[in-house]
Amino acid sequence: MELSELPEGAWVTVDTAPIIYLMEDHPTLLEPYLPVFERIEAGTLRGVVSTVTLAEFLAGPLRSGNEILADRYYQGLANSTNWYVQELDAPLSFTAARIRTRYGLKLPDAIQVATAIYSSSSALVTHDRDFAAVTEIPILGSAG
């Protein structure tokens, strides 16, 4: 599946790395993901993040002692009309356990896949090669 094949209004789960590339305005790694972020910003796609992504993504500014930036990032995702933070609850955890055992993924990665499945996303956007064998959800990204 290609990004252009995602229908207008589709939900798409975005893994941590592409979001970090966006926030850091990475000079080379961001480029393949810009169309996803542009479509989410325009409202033609709805972005989904897991609570794992939220925690990993906020750790950078917090590690640097920048509470204000961390709060700005949090507010930008948690209170956006174009982004949705998928809660980690018992049913999602069960799906993550299934995915983890099926593919031998680390728990945070299994939660990413389960988030995409549980939120009825059309795809998971990632830079992570560990998702290559996953068949339950289309994987989009430079490594996917």
C-alpha atoms as a PDB file:
ATOM      1  CA  MET A   1       0.000   0.000   0.000  1.00  0.00           C
ATOM      2  CA  GLU A   2       1.142   3.515  -0.813  1.00  0.00           C
ATOM      3  CA  LEU A   3       0.248   6.746   0.962  1.00  0.00           C
ATOM      4  CA  SER A   4      -1.633   7.918  -2.114  1.00  0.00           C
ATOM      5  CA  GLU A   5      -3.923   4.878  -1.800  1.00  0.00           C
ATOM      6  CA  LEU A   6      -5.200   5.968   1.626  1.00  0.00           C
ATOM      7  CA  PRO A   7      -8.720   7.322   1.193  1.00  0.00           C
ATOM      8  CA  GLU A   8      -9.688  10.750   2.427  1.00  0.00           C
ATOM      9  CA  GLY A   9     -10.655  10.607   6.093  1.00  0.00           C
ATOM     10  CA  ALA A  10      -8.686   7.407   6.780  1.00  0.00           C
ATOM     11  CA  TRP A  11      -7.097   6.890  10.161  1.00  0.00           C
ATOM     12  CA  VAL A  12      -3.353   6.191  10.155  1.00  0.00           C
ATOM     13  CA  THR A  13      -1.236   5.240  13.166  1.00  0.00           C
ATOM     14  CA  VAL A  14       2.150   6.953  13.256  1.00  0.00           C
ATOM     15  CA  ASP A  15       5.046   5.308  15.092  1.00  0.00           C
ATOM     16  CA  THR A  16       7.425   7.290  17.284  1.00  0.00           C
ATOM     17  CA  ALA A  17      10.385   7.819  14.935  1.00  0.00           C
ATOM     18  CA  PRO A  18       8.536   9.746  12.205  1.00  0.00           C
ATOM     19  CA  ILE A  19       7.041  12.053  14.837  1.00  0.00           C
ATOM     20  CA  ILE A  20      10.479  12.699  16.309  1.00  0.00           C
ATOM     21  CA  TYR A  21      11.800  13.435  12.808  1.00  0.00           C
ATOM     22  CA  LEU A  22       8.997  15.973  12.388  1.00  0.00           C
ATOM     23  CA  MET A  23       9.546  17.703  15.719  1.00  0.00           C
ATOM     24  CA  GLU A  24      13.303  17.838  15.191  1.00  0.00           C
ATOM     25  CA  ASP A  25      12.849  18.862  11.529  1.00  0.00           C
ATOM     26  CA  HIS A  26      15.382  16.173  10.603  1.00  0.00           C
ATOM     27  CA  PRO A  27      17.106  17.198   7.346  1.00  0.00           C
ATOM     28  CA  THR A  28      16.930  13.768   5.643  1.00  0.00           C
ATOM     29  CA  LEU A  29      14.832  11.308   7.642  1.00  0.00           C
ATOM     30  CA  LEU A  30      11.691  13.476   7.703  1.00  0.00           C
ATOM     31  CA  GLU A  31      11.270  13.733   3.920  1.00  0.00           C
ATOM     32  CA  PRO A  32       9.544  10.367   3.257  1.00  0.00           C
ATOM     33  CA  TYR A  33       6.992  11.108   6.007  1.00  0.00           C
ATOM     34  CA  LEU A  34       6.156  14.716   5.104  1.00  0.00           C
ATOM     35  CA  PRO A  35       3.199  13.737   2.882  1.00  0.00           C
ATOM     36  CA  VAL A  36       1.619  11.880   5.828  1.00  0.00           C
ATOM     37  CA  PHE A  37       2.009  14.848   8.158  1.00  0.00           C
ATOM     38  CA  GLU A  38       0.780  17.255   5.475  1.00  0.00           C
ATOM     39  CA  ARG A  39      -2.360  15.178   4.930  1.00  0.00           C
ATOM     40  CA  ILE A  40      -2.987  14.942   8.690  1.00  0.00           C
ATOM     41  CA  GLU A  41      -2.490  18.695   9.057  1.00  0.00           C
ATOM     42  CA  ALA A  42      -4.875  19.312   6.142  1.00  0.00           C
ATOM     43  CA  GLY A  43      -7.459  17.025   7.752  1.00  0.00           C
ATOM     44  CA  THR A  44      -7.567  14.527   4.863  1.00  0.00           C
ATOM     45  CA  LEU A  45      -6.068  11.867   7.154  1.00  0.00           C
ATOM     46  CA  ARG A  46      -6.564  11.400  10.896  1.00  0.00           C
ATOM     47  CA  GLY A  47      -3.384  10.663  12.848  1.00  0.00           C
ATOM     48  CA  VAL A  48      -3.326   8.143  15.672  1.00  0.00           C
ATOM     49  CA  VAL A  49      -0.558   7.695  18.231  1.00  0.00           C
ATOM     50  CA  SER A  50      -0.188   5.145  20.985  1.00  0.00           C
ATOM     51  CA  THR A  51       0.467   6.069  24.589  1.00  0.00           C
ATOM     52  CA  VAL A  52       3.917   4.497  24.033  1.00  0.00           C
ATOM     53  CA  THR A  53       4.623   7.000  21.249  1.00  0.00           C
ATOM     54  CA  LEU A  54       3.406   9.840  23.425  1.00  0.00           C
ATOM     55  CA  ALA A  55       5.698   8.795  26.291  1.00  0.00           C
ATOM     56  CA  GLU A  56       8.733   8.159  24.045  1.00  0.00           C
ATOM     57  CA  PHE A  57       8.230  11.382  22.149  1.00  0.00           C
ATOM     58  CA  LEU A  58       7.919  13.513  25.321  1.00  0.00           C
ATOM     59  CA  ALA A  59      11.019  11.938  26.872  1.00  0.00           C
ATOM     60  CA  GLY A  60      13.353  13.962  24.614  1.00  0.00           C
ATOM     61  CA  PRO A  61      12.397  17.431  25.827  1.00  0.00           C
ATOM     62  CA  LEU A  62      11.971  16.165  29.394  1.00  0.00           C
ATOM     63  CA  ARG A  63      15.455  14.605  29.327  1.00  0.00           C
ATOM     64  CA  SER A  64      16.756  18.075  28.443  1.00  0.00           C
ATOM     65  CA  GLY A  65      14.744  19.604  31.292  1.00  0.00           C
ATOM     66  CA  ASN A  66      12.445  21.435  28.881  1.00  0.00           C
ATOM     67  CA  GLU A  67       9.025  21.068  30.522  1.00  0.00           C
ATOM     68  CA  ILE A  68       7.561  23.878  28.418  1.00  0.00           C
ATOM     69  CA  LEU A  69       8.465  22.192  25.130  1.00  0.00           C
ATOM     70  CA  ALA A  70       7.245  18.824  26.424  1.00  0.00           C
ATOM     71  CA  ASP A  71       3.924  20.410  27.380  1.00  0.00           C
ATOM     72  CA  ARG A  72       3.660  22.119  23.973  1.00  0.00           C
ATOM     73  CA  TYR A  73       4.246  18.773  22.240  1.00  0.00           C
ATOM     74  CA  TYR A  74       1.745  17.064  24.534  1.00  0.00           C
ATOM     75  CA  GLN A  75      -0.924  19.681  23.911  1.00  0.00           C
ATOM     76  CA  GLY A  76      -0.259  19.545  20.167  1.00  0.00           C
ATOM     77  CA  LEU A  77      -1.074  15.838  20.047  1.00  0.00           C
ATOM     78  CA  ALA A  78      -3.508  15.325  22.914  1.00  0.00           C
ATOM     79  CA  ASN A  79      -5.747  18.303  22.114  1.00  0.00           C
ATOM     80  CA  SER A  80      -5.638  18.322  18.321  1.00  0.00           C
ATOM     81  CA  THR A  81      -8.643  17.765  16.087  1.00  0.00           C
ATOM     82  CA  ASN A  82      -6.428  15.902  13.589  1.00  0.00           C
ATOM     83  CA  TRP A  83      -4.654  13.605  16.066  1.00  0.00           C
ATOM     84  CA  TYR A  84      -6.033  10.965  18.420  1.00  0.00           C
ATOM     85  CA  VAL A  85      -4.161   9.334  21.319  1.00  0.00           C
ATOM     86  CA  GLN A  86      -5.322   5.712  21.523  1.00  0.00           C
ATOM     87  CA  GLU A  87      -5.600   4.685  25.162  1.00  0.00           C
ATOM     88  CA  LEU A  88      -3.872   1.500  26.300  1.00  0.00           C
ATOM     89  CA  ASP A  89      -6.636  -0.558  27.858  1.00  0.00           C
ATOM     90  CA  ALA A  90      -7.199  -4.255  28.583  1.00  0.00           C
ATOM     91  CA  PRO A  91      -8.542  -5.253  25.120  1.00  0.00           C
ATOM     92  CA  LEU A  92      -5.706  -3.440  23.336  1.00  0.00           C
ATOM     93  CA  SER A  93      -3.222  -5.106  25.711  1.00  0.00           C
ATOM     94  CA  PHE A  94      -4.605  -8.519  24.775  1.00  0.00           C
ATOM     95  CA  THR A  95      -4.155  -7.699  21.073  1.00  0.00           C
ATOM     96  CA  ALA A  96      -0.610  -6.510  21.791  1.00  0.00           C
ATOM     97  CA  ALA A  97       0.152  -9.784  23.579  1.00  0.00           C
ATOM     98  CA  ARG A  98      -1.074 -11.740  20.554  1.00  0.00           C
ATOM     99  CA  ILE A  99       1.024  -9.628  18.183  1.00  0.00           C
ATOM    100  CA  ARG A 100       4.068  -9.863  20.451  1.00  0.00           C
ATOM    101  CA  THR A 101       3.963 -13.652  20.604  1.00  0.00           C
ATOM    102  CA  ARG A 102       3.117 -14.065  16.895  1.00  0.00           C
ATOM    103  CA  TYR A 103       6.040 -11.946  15.643  1.00  0.00           C
ATOM    104  CA  GLY A 104       8.481 -11.923  18.549  1.00  0.00           C
ATOM    105  CA  LEU A 105       8.264  -8.127  18.783  1.00  0.00           C
ATOM    106  CA  LYS A 106       9.329  -6.084  21.772  1.00  0.00           C
ATOM    107  CA  LEU A 107       6.321  -5.020  23.834  1.00  0.00           C
ATOM    108  CA  PRO A 108       6.433  -1.333  22.766  1.00  0.00           C
ATOM    109  CA  ASP A 109       6.440  -2.401  19.101  1.00  0.00           C
ATOM    110  CA  ALA A 110       3.579  -4.841  19.678  1.00  0.00           C
ATOM    111  CA  ILE A 111       1.617  -1.991  21.288  1.00  0.00           C
ATOM    112  CA  GLN A 112       2.200   0.118  18.149  1.00  0.00           C
ATOM    113  CA  VAL A 113       0.765  -2.602  15.910  1.00  0.00           C
ATOM    114  CA  ALA A 114      -2.108  -3.265  18.315  1.00  0.00           C
ATOM    115  CA  THR A 115      -2.867   0.472  18.389  1.00  0.00           C
ATOM    116  CA  ALA A 116      -3.122   0.523  14.598  1.00  0.00           C
ATOM    117  CA  ILE A 117      -5.419  -2.515  14.632  1.00  0.00           C
ATOM    118  CA  TYR A 118      -7.527  -1.404  17.586  1.00  0.00           C
ATOM    119  CA  SER A 119      -8.034   2.132  16.192  1.00  0.00           C
ATOM    120  CA  SER A 120      -9.112   0.712  12.803  1.00  0.00           C
ATOM    121  CA  SER A 121      -6.248   2.539  11.127  1.00  0.00           C
ATOM    122  CA  SER A 122      -5.711   1.932   7.443  1.00  0.00           C
ATOM    123  CA  ALA A 123      -1.935   1.675   7.956  1.00  0.00           C
ATOM    124  CA  LEU A 124       0.948   1.956  10.412  1.00  0.00           C
ATOM    125  CA  VAL A 125       3.556   4.541   9.401  1.00  0.00           C
ATOM    126  CA  THR A 126       6.977   3.621  10.734  1.00  0.00           C
ATOM    127  CA  HIS A 127      10.704   3.663  10.107  1.00  0.00           C
ATOM    128  CA  ASP A 128      11.126   0.380  11.994  1.00  0.00           C
ATOM    129  CA  ARG A 129      12.167  -2.733  10.058  1.00  0.00           C
ATOM    130  CA  ASP A 130      10.882  -4.970  12.867  1.00  0.00           C
ATOM    131  CA  PHE A 131       7.356  -4.586  11.471  1.00  0.00           C
ATOM    132  CA  ALA A 132       8.201  -6.064   8.053  1.00  0.00           C
ATOM    133  CA  ALA A 133       6.598  -9.466   8.783  1.00  0.00           C
ATOM    134  CA  VAL A 134       3.358  -8.049  10.207  1.00  0.00           C
ATOM    135  CA  THR A 135       0.352  -8.934   8.060  1.00  0.00           C
ATOM    136  CA  GLU A 136      -2.559  -7.652  10.175  1.00  0.00           C
ATOM    137  CA  ILE A 137      -2.099  -4.028   9.094  1.00  0.00           C
ATOM    138  CA  PRO A 138      -0.414  -2.411   6.079  1.00  0.00           C
ATOM    139  CA  ILE A 139       2.990  -0.942   6.960  1.00  0.00           C
ATOM    140  CA  LEU A 140       4.034   2.338   5.321  1.00  0.00           C
ATOM    141  CA  GLY A 141       7.463   3.869   5.597  1.00  0.00           C
ATOM    142  CA  SER A 142      10.955   4.029   4.240  1.00  0.00           C
ATOM    143  CA  ALA A 143      11.838   0.784   6.010  1.00  0.00           C
ATOM    144  CA  GLY A 144       8.431  -0.902   5.831  1.00  0.00           C
END
